[in-house]
Structure formats: C-alpha cells, structure tokens
Protein backbone atom coordinates (compact mmCIF):
# COMPACT_ATOMS: atom_id res chain seq x y z
CA MET A 1 -8.00 14.43 17.04
CA LEU A 2 -6.17 11.14 17.23
CA ARG A 3 -4.89 9.34 14.18
CA SER A 4 -3.72 5.77 13.72
CA SER A 5 -2.66 3.39 16.46
CA ARG A 6 0.35 5.56 17.31
CA ALA A 7 -2.06 8.24 18.56
CA ARG A 8 -0.49 11.35 17.13
CA ARG A 9 -2.28 14.60 18.08
CA VAL A 10 -3.02 17.07 15.27
CA ASP A 11 -3.19 20.81 15.99
CA TYR A 12 -5.20 23.16 13.76
CA PHE A 13 -4.73 26.91 13.25
CA VAL A 14 -5.84 29.71 10.91
CA ILE A 15 -3.91 30.84 7.83
CA ALA A 16 -4.57 34.12 5.98
CA GLY A 17 -2.59 35.30 2.98
CA GLY A 18 -0.55 32.09 3.03
CA LYS A 19 0.78 32.70 6.56
CA ARG A 20 -0.27 31.67 10.04
CA ILE A 21 -2.10 34.65 11.55
CA ALA A 22 -0.45 36.67 14.33
CA ALA A 23 -1.55 36.01 17.89
CA ALA A 24 -4.26 38.33 19.15
CA PRO A 25 -3.70 40.48 22.22
CA ALA A 26 -4.39 38.74 25.53
CA SER A 27 -7.36 41.03 26.13
CA LEU A 28 -9.70 40.69 23.15
CA PRO A 29 -11.89 43.65 22.22
CA GLU A 30 -15.61 43.56 23.02
CA ALA A 31 -16.32 43.20 19.29
CA ALA A 32 -14.88 39.67 19.40
CA THR A 33 -17.18 38.60 22.23
CA SER A 34 -20.29 40.17 20.72
CA CYS A 35 -19.57 38.71 17.28
CA ALA A 36 -19.09 35.22 18.76
CA ALA A 37 -22.40 35.59 20.65
CA ALA A 38 -24.18 36.70 17.46
CA LYS A 39 -22.94 33.51 15.77
CA LYS A 40 -24.13 31.44 18.79
CA MET A 41 -20.57 30.48 19.73
CA PRO A 42 -19.12 30.49 23.26
CA ALA A 43 -17.34 33.61 24.42
CA PRO A 44 -13.62 33.52 23.69
CA GLY A 45 -11.53 32.84 26.76
CA ALA A 46 -8.04 31.55 27.41
CA PRO A 47 -6.54 29.96 24.28
CA ALA A 48 -6.35 26.15 24.25
CA SER A 49 -2.91 24.53 24.25
CA SER A 50 -3.90 22.76 21.01
CA CYS A 51 -6.95 22.89 18.74
CA THR A 52 -8.53 19.53 18.02
CA GLY A 53 -12.01 18.38 17.09
CA GLN A 54 -14.23 16.75 14.51
CA ARG A 55 -15.16 20.04 12.77
CA PHE A 56 -13.85 23.60 12.85
CA THR A 57 -15.19 27.09 12.24
CA VAL A 58 -13.75 30.59 12.21
CA VAL A 59 -15.63 33.66 13.40
CA VAL A 60 -14.27 36.89 11.91
CA ALA A 61 -14.78 40.05 13.97
CA HIS A 62 -13.87 43.60 13.02
CA ALA A 63 -12.57 45.95 15.70
CA GLY A 64 -11.79 49.27 14.04
CA LYS A 65 -9.24 48.60 11.31
CA ASP A 66 -8.22 45.24 12.82
CA ARG A 67 -9.70 41.91 11.82
CA LEU A 68 -9.78 39.12 14.39
CA ALA A 69 -10.18 35.44 13.57
CA LEU A 70 -11.59 33.28 16.37
CA LEU A 71 -11.00 29.57 15.81
CA TYR A 72 -13.40 27.04 17.36
CA GLY A 73 -13.28 23.24 17.37
CA LEU A 74 -16.31 20.98 17.78
CA ASP A 75 -15.64 18.55 20.64
CA GLY A 76 -18.50 16.05 20.62
CA THR A 77 -21.58 18.30 20.67
CA ASN A 78 -19.87 21.40 22.14
CA TRP A 79 -17.96 24.15 20.35
CA ARG A 80 -14.74 25.01 22.17
CA PHE A 81 -12.71 28.20 21.71
CA CYS A 82 -9.22 27.36 20.46
CA SER A 83 -7.41 30.58 19.63
CA ALA A 84 -7.62 34.09 18.23
CA GLY A 85 -5.42 35.99 15.89
CA THR A 86 -5.22 39.19 13.86
CA PHE A 87 -4.77 39.57 10.13
C-alpha cells in the first residue's frame, strides 16, 4: 500500500495477546493448507517480503496443540499469502 506523495510502503502483520506472533516453521503442517483451501484461499507458500493490500484476512488453523495464523492480503482481485505464525 502506498501512502502520500512520498510513497512510503506499509507492512502488515498479525498480533495476538498484544505481541507480534512468532514465525511459523518453514514447512507448514498439512492442516494449514487444508484450512486455507476450505476458506477458498490460496495455498500458503513462501512468505512475502512485506504484506500490503487493500484488505486483509487471517485464516486460523489448528495443528495439534498449535494454532497457526495465515495472513493474506488482497492485491486487486487476488488474495496473496503474506506470512504465517504460531500463537
């Protein structure tokens, strides 16, 4: 997302319990992919260097006792995977 004429990029991320969530493992569990598919979101892949967009949504997946938050940004008409974290 660009703001003002100085074109400053804004990066979005997920907060839980007042803190930025911890990064998820590089290899996400199958539960994350199946939960994203159930919500009609693209499969999570490599994290984006920054998360920008016009709208945002979080898909929460449970893998055993762990909770994963998958952050997506709407880029035009396409949802794009931004990042994943555990909380």
